[in-house]
């Protein structure tokens, strides 16, 4: 029996990929930059889920809600650390300081509209109509996958439950 193309891609995909985790939070960044240890529940949630899925976390970072800083750390994750995927958490709301989407979207070679649609659908089932206030995106930059998620631990968990089963497959296709 001949495999369908998506099944062939899954079979050819790596079993494990390198992932960078970036938390965007002005309040946490200010504390970290002063040498104060902070709890990053979303980052910790992501780290546990990514490692449990068998992937290698290349770095965890906390950055300010600042376009140039977000872009710098995203590029550092890809080009210096060799991440196959970068997951950014936070800075996706409606407040003026929330600039993660504006930082990342113009850099994407390809955008995966379906990710945000499915993310909001799953969120709607969990939290109701406030789900439409969510601004998550996914896409690729030069063969590397990039995901932007809201920063709450529950949103990170929901997003990763969608991302992780297809991550090696997505990375494989993005590099083709």
C-alpha atoms as a PDB file:
ATOM      1  CA  UNK A   1       0.000   0.000   0.000  1.00  0.00           C
ATOM      2  CA  UNK A   2       1.380   3.410  -0.996  1.00  0.00           C
ATOM      3  CA  UNK A   3       1.690   5.977   1.801  1.00  0.00           C
ATOM      4  CA  UNK A   4       0.020   9.360   1.428  1.00  0.00           C
ATOM      5  CA  UNK A   5       2.439  12.278   1.092  1.00  0.00           C
ATOM      6  CA  UNK A   6       1.860  13.559   4.654  1.00  0.00           C
ATOM      7  CA  UNK A   7       2.567  10.059   5.958  1.00  0.00           C
ATOM      8  CA  UNK A   8       5.773   9.912   3.909  1.00  0.00           C
ATOM      9  CA  UNK A   9       6.822  13.298   5.309  1.00  0.00           C
ATOM     10  CA  UNK A  10       6.119  12.188   8.876  1.00  0.00           C
ATOM     11  CA  UNK A  11       8.156   9.035   8.345  1.00  0.00           C
ATOM     12  CA  UNK A  12      11.077  11.073   6.913  1.00  0.00           C
ATOM     13  CA  UNK A  13      10.882  13.731   9.638  1.00  0.00           C
ATOM     14  CA  UNK A  14      13.403  13.755  12.480  1.00  0.00           C
ATOM     15  CA  UNK A  15      12.228  12.206  15.716  1.00  0.00           C
ATOM     16  CA  UNK A  16      13.678  15.035  17.768  1.00  0.00           C
ATOM     17  CA  UNK A  17      14.227  18.731  16.960  1.00  0.00           C
ATOM     18  CA  UNK A  18      16.027  21.609  18.667  1.00  0.00           C
ATOM     19  CA  UNK A  19      13.683  24.171  20.245  1.00  0.00           C
ATOM     20  CA  UNK A  20      14.309  27.616  21.708  1.00  0.00           C
ATOM     21  CA  UNK A  21      11.800  29.021  24.217  1.00  0.00           C
ATOM     22  CA  UNK A  22      11.385  32.789  24.561  1.00  0.00           C
ATOM     23  CA  UNK A  23       9.111  34.372  27.161  1.00  0.00           C
ATOM     24  CA  UNK A  24       8.139  37.978  26.410  1.00  0.00           C
ATOM     25  CA  UNK A  25       7.359  39.905  29.605  1.00  0.00           C
ATOM     26  CA  UNK A  26       8.412  43.437  30.526  1.00  0.00           C
ATOM     27  CA  UNK A  27       7.870  42.921  34.257  1.00  0.00           C
ATOM     28  CA  UNK A  28       9.894  39.691  34.366  1.00  0.00           C
ATOM     29  CA  UNK A  29      12.599  41.092  32.087  1.00  0.00           C
ATOM     30  CA  UNK A  30      13.105  44.133  34.352  1.00  0.00           C
ATOM     31  CA  UNK A  31      13.628  41.854  37.358  1.00  0.00           C
ATOM     32  CA  UNK A  32      15.936  39.461  35.494  1.00  0.00           C
ATOM     33  CA  UNK A  33      18.025  42.355  34.145  1.00  0.00           C
ATOM     34  CA  UNK A  34      18.546  43.463  37.787  1.00  0.00           C
ATOM     35  CA  UNK A  35      19.696  39.966  38.731  1.00  0.00           C
ATOM     36  CA  UNK A  36      16.469  39.037  40.494  1.00  0.00           C
ATOM     37  CA  UNK A  37      15.312  35.446  40.004  1.00  0.00           C
ATOM     38  CA  UNK A  38      11.763  35.230  38.723  1.00  0.00           C
ATOM     39  CA  UNK A  39       9.302  32.422  38.279  1.00  0.00           C
ATOM     40  CA  UNK A  40       8.411  31.821  34.643  1.00  0.00           C
ATOM     41  CA  UNK A  41       5.504  29.418  34.879  1.00  0.00           C
ATOM     42  CA  UNK A  42       4.802  29.532  31.139  1.00  0.00           C
ATOM     43  CA  UNK A  43       8.454  28.933  30.297  1.00  0.00           C
ATOM     44  CA  UNK A  44       8.613  26.067  32.805  1.00  0.00           C
ATOM     45  CA  UNK A  45       5.432  24.548  31.381  1.00  0.00           C
ATOM     46  CA  UNK A  46       6.851  24.766  27.858  1.00  0.00           C
ATOM     47  CA  UNK A  47      10.201  23.301  28.897  1.00  0.00           C
ATOM     48  CA  UNK A  48       8.552  20.279  30.530  1.00  0.00           C
ATOM     49  CA  UNK A  49       6.213  19.613  27.603  1.00  0.00           C
ATOM     50  CA  UNK A  50       8.868  20.043  24.908  1.00  0.00           C
ATOM     51  CA  UNK A  51      11.339  17.763  26.708  1.00  0.00           C
ATOM     52  CA  UNK A  52       8.624  15.193  27.475  1.00  0.00           C
ATOM     53  CA  UNK A  53       7.913  15.071  23.732  1.00  0.00           C
ATOM     54  CA  UNK A  54      11.560  14.087  23.192  1.00  0.00           C
ATOM     55  CA  UNK A  55      12.910  17.361  21.845  1.00  0.00           C
ATOM     56  CA  UNK A  56      16.043  19.239  22.920  1.00  0.00           C
ATOM     57  CA  UNK A  57      15.620  22.732  24.355  1.00  0.00           C
ATOM     58  CA  UNK A  58      18.555  24.815  23.125  1.00  0.00           C
ATOM     59  CA  UNK A  59      17.746  27.878  25.245  1.00  0.00           C
ATOM     60  CA  UNK A  60      15.198  29.547  27.475  1.00  0.00           C
ATOM     61  CA  UNK A  61      15.053  33.340  27.560  1.00  0.00           C
ATOM     62  CA  UNK A  62      13.039  36.150  29.064  1.00  0.00           C
ATOM     63  CA  UNK A  63      12.917  39.326  26.975  1.00  0.00           C
ATOM     64  CA  UNK A  64      11.228  42.712  27.099  1.00  0.00           C
ATOM     65  CA  UNK A  65       8.146  43.665  25.083  1.00  0.00           C
ATOM     66  CA  UNK A  66      10.423  45.394  22.585  1.00  0.00           C
ATOM     67  CA  UNK A  67      10.405  44.753  18.829  1.00  0.00           C
ATOM     68  CA  UNK A  68      14.177  44.961  18.335  1.00  0.00           C
ATOM     69  CA  UNK A  69      14.910  42.739  21.360  1.00  0.00           C
ATOM     70  CA  UNK A  70      12.351  40.131  20.321  1.00  0.00           C
ATOM     71  CA  UNK A  71      13.777  40.016  16.791  1.00  0.00           C
ATOM     72  CA  UNK A  72      17.368  39.899  18.034  1.00  0.00           C
ATOM     73  CA  UNK A  73      16.678  36.926  20.320  1.00  0.00           C
ATOM     74  CA  UNK A  74      14.621  35.166  17.643  1.00  0.00           C
ATOM     75  CA  UNK A  75      17.479  35.482  15.132  1.00  0.00           C
ATOM     76  CA  UNK A  76      20.025  34.465  17.785  1.00  0.00           C
ATOM     77  CA  UNK A  77      17.965  31.339  18.514  1.00  0.00           C
ATOM     78  CA  UNK A  78      17.870  30.428  14.827  1.00  0.00           C
ATOM     79  CA  UNK A  79      21.278  31.460  13.511  1.00  0.00           C
ATOM     80  CA  UNK A  80      23.605  31.193  16.524  1.00  0.00           C
ATOM     81  CA  UNK A  81      21.967  28.409  18.539  1.00  0.00           C
ATOM     82  CA  UNK A  82      20.715  26.386  15.573  1.00  0.00           C
ATOM     83  CA  UNK A  83      17.128  25.977  16.764  1.00  0.00           C
ATOM     84  CA  UNK A  84      14.810  24.155  14.379  1.00  0.00           C
ATOM     85  CA  UNK A  85      11.847  25.817  16.074  1.00  0.00           C
ATOM     86  CA  UNK A  86      11.340  28.880  18.245  1.00  0.00           C
ATOM     87  CA  UNK A  87       8.346  29.209  20.533  1.00  0.00           C
ATOM     88  CA  UNK A  88       7.610  32.723  21.775  1.00  0.00           C
ATOM     89  CA  UNK A  89       5.216  33.097  24.703  1.00  0.00           C
ATOM     90  CA  UNK A  90       3.568  36.361  25.680  1.00  0.00           C
ATOM     91  CA  UNK A  91       3.167  39.818  24.234  1.00  0.00           C
ATOM     92  CA  UNK A  92       0.283  38.758  21.997  1.00  0.00           C
ATOM     93  CA  UNK A  93      -2.525  40.723  23.646  1.00  0.00           C
ATOM     94  CA  UNK A  94      -4.205  43.977  22.711  1.00  0.00           C
ATOM     95  CA  UNK A  95      -2.252  46.331  24.968  1.00  0.00           C
ATOM     96  CA  UNK A  96       0.084  48.868  23.349  1.00  0.00           C
ATOM     97  CA  UNK A  97       3.105  47.092  24.828  1.00  0.00           C
ATOM     98  CA  UNK A  98       2.114  43.717  23.287  1.00  0.00           C
ATOM     99  CA  UNK A  99       4.312  43.636  20.160  1.00  0.00           C
ATOM    100  CA  UNK A 100       5.263  39.988  19.665  1.00  0.00           C
ATOM    101  CA  UNK A 101       3.054  39.499  16.607  1.00  0.00           C
ATOM    102  CA  UNK A 102       4.226  42.796  15.093  1.00  0.00           C
ATOM    103  CA  UNK A 103       7.837  41.760  15.738  1.00  0.00           C
ATOM    104  CA  UNK A 104       7.597  38.323  14.152  1.00  0.00           C
ATOM    105  CA  UNK A 105       4.958  38.431  11.412  1.00  0.00           C
ATOM    106  CA  UNK A 106       6.943  40.604   8.941  1.00  0.00           C
ATOM    107  CA  UNK A 107       9.888  38.177   9.221  1.00  0.00           C
ATOM    108  CA  UNK A 108       7.968  35.040   8.238  1.00  0.00           C
ATOM    109  CA  UNK A 109       8.638  33.477   4.842  1.00  0.00           C
ATOM    110  CA  UNK A 110       5.436  31.453   5.172  1.00  0.00           C
ATOM    111  CA  UNK A 111       2.556  31.927   7.597  1.00  0.00           C
ATOM    112  CA  UNK A 112       0.403  29.020   8.766  1.00  0.00           C
ATOM    113  CA  UNK A 113      -3.024  30.612   9.182  1.00  0.00           C
ATOM    114  CA  UNK A 114      -4.503  27.272  10.192  1.00  0.00           C
ATOM    115  CA  UNK A 115      -2.522  27.206  13.431  1.00  0.00           C
ATOM    116  CA  UNK A 116      -4.186  30.359  14.791  1.00  0.00           C
ATOM    117  CA  UNK A 117      -7.593  29.163  13.612  1.00  0.00           C
ATOM    118  CA  UNK A 118      -7.263  25.797  15.361  1.00  0.00           C
ATOM    119  CA  UNK A 119      -5.708  27.397  18.461  1.00  0.00           C
ATOM    120  CA  UNK A 120      -8.666  29.774  18.818  1.00  0.00           C
ATOM    121  CA  UNK A 121     -11.171  26.961  18.187  1.00  0.00           C
ATOM    122  CA  UNK A 122      -9.643  24.820  20.946  1.00  0.00           C
ATOM    123  CA  UNK A 123      -9.393  27.876  23.235  1.00  0.00           C
ATOM    124  CA  UNK A 124     -13.022  28.751  22.565  1.00  0.00           C
ATOM    125  CA  UNK A 125     -14.066  25.310  23.803  1.00  0.00           C
ATOM    126  CA  UNK A 126     -12.042  25.911  26.989  1.00  0.00           C
ATOM    127  CA  UNK A 127     -12.629  29.602  27.773  1.00  0.00           C
ATOM    128  CA  UNK A 128     -15.513  30.815  25.624  1.00  0.00           C
ATOM    129  CA  UNK A 129     -15.780  33.978  23.583  1.00  0.00           C
ATOM    130  CA  UNK A 130     -12.670  35.636  25.013  1.00  0.00           C
ATOM    131  CA  UNK A 131     -10.729  33.213  22.788  1.00  0.00           C
ATOM    132  CA  UNK A 132     -11.166  35.553  19.845  1.00  0.00           C
ATOM    133  CA  UNK A 133      -8.980  38.085  21.644  1.00  0.00           C
ATOM    134  CA  UNK A 134      -6.058  35.683  21.208  1.00  0.00           C
ATOM    135  CA  UNK A 135      -3.383  36.620  18.685  1.00  0.00           C
ATOM    136  CA  UNK A 136      -1.272  33.552  18.048  1.00  0.00           C
ATOM    137  CA  UNK A 137       0.617  32.915  14.815  1.00  0.00           C
ATOM    138  CA  UNK A 138       2.886  30.303  13.294  1.00  0.00           C
ATOM    139  CA  UNK A 139       5.124  30.201  10.271  1.00  0.00           C
ATOM    140  CA  UNK A 140       8.641  29.634   9.040  1.00  0.00           C
ATOM    141  CA  UNK A 141      11.820  31.650   8.627  1.00  0.00           C
ATOM    142  CA  UNK A 142      14.397  30.072   6.327  1.00  0.00           C
ATOM    143  CA  UNK A 143      13.275  26.537   7.131  1.00  0.00           C
ATOM    144  CA  UNK A 144      12.834  27.075  10.871  1.00  0.00           C
ATOM    145  CA  UNK A 145       9.423  26.972  12.510  1.00  0.00           C
ATOM    146  CA  UNK A 146       8.285  29.923  14.624  1.00  0.00           C
ATOM    147  CA  UNK A 147       5.252  29.925  16.912  1.00  0.00           C
ATOM    148  CA  UNK A 148       3.849  32.856  18.908  1.00  0.00           C
ATOM    149  CA  UNK A 149       1.540  31.972  21.788  1.00  0.00           C
ATOM    150  CA  UNK A 150      -0.241  33.987  24.459  1.00  0.00           C
ATOM    151  CA  UNK A 151       1.724  33.984  27.683  1.00  0.00           C
ATOM    152  CA  UNK A 152      -0.623  32.341  30.167  1.00  0.00           C
ATOM    153  CA  UNK A 153       0.456  28.864  31.271  1.00  0.00           C
ATOM    154  CA  UNK A 154      -2.876  27.434  30.083  1.00  0.00           C
ATOM    155  CA  UNK A 155      -2.498  29.022  26.628  1.00  0.00           C
ATOM    156  CA  UNK A 156       1.066  27.701  26.401  1.00  0.00           C
ATOM    157  CA  UNK A 157      -0.137  24.203  27.295  1.00  0.00           C
ATOM    158  CA  UNK A 158      -2.987  24.408  24.771  1.00  0.00           C
ATOM    159  CA  UNK A 159      -0.651  25.706  22.070  1.00  0.00           C
ATOM    160  CA  UNK A 160       1.986  23.060  22.676  1.00  0.00           C
ATOM    161  CA  UNK A 161      -0.623  20.304  22.614  1.00  0.00           C
ATOM    162  CA  UNK A 162      -1.275  21.456  19.022  1.00  0.00           C
ATOM    163  CA  UNK A 163       2.346  22.129  18.073  1.00  0.00           C
ATOM    164  CA  UNK A 164       4.220  19.130  19.454  1.00  0.00           C
ATOM    165  CA  UNK A 165       2.480  16.271  17.599  1.00  0.00           C
ATOM    166  CA  UNK A 166       3.274  17.939  14.239  1.00  0.00           C
ATOM    167  CA  UNK A 167       6.529  19.716  15.088  1.00  0.00           C
ATOM    168  CA  UNK A 168       9.014  17.275  13.491  1.00  0.00           C
ATOM    169  CA  UNK A 169       6.737  17.004  10.448  1.00  0.00           C
ATOM    170  CA  UNK A 170       6.482  20.817  10.174  1.00  0.00           C
ATOM    171  CA  UNK A 171      10.265  21.226  10.559  1.00  0.00           C
ATOM    172  CA  UNK A 172      10.883  18.591   7.882  1.00  0.00           C
ATOM    173  CA  UNK A 173       8.539  20.260   5.392  1.00  0.00           C
ATOM    174  CA  UNK A 174       9.854  23.776   6.159  1.00  0.00           C
ATOM    175  CA  UNK A 175      13.392  22.620   5.304  1.00  0.00           C
ATOM    176  CA  UNK A 176      12.381  21.083   1.960  1.00  0.00           C
END
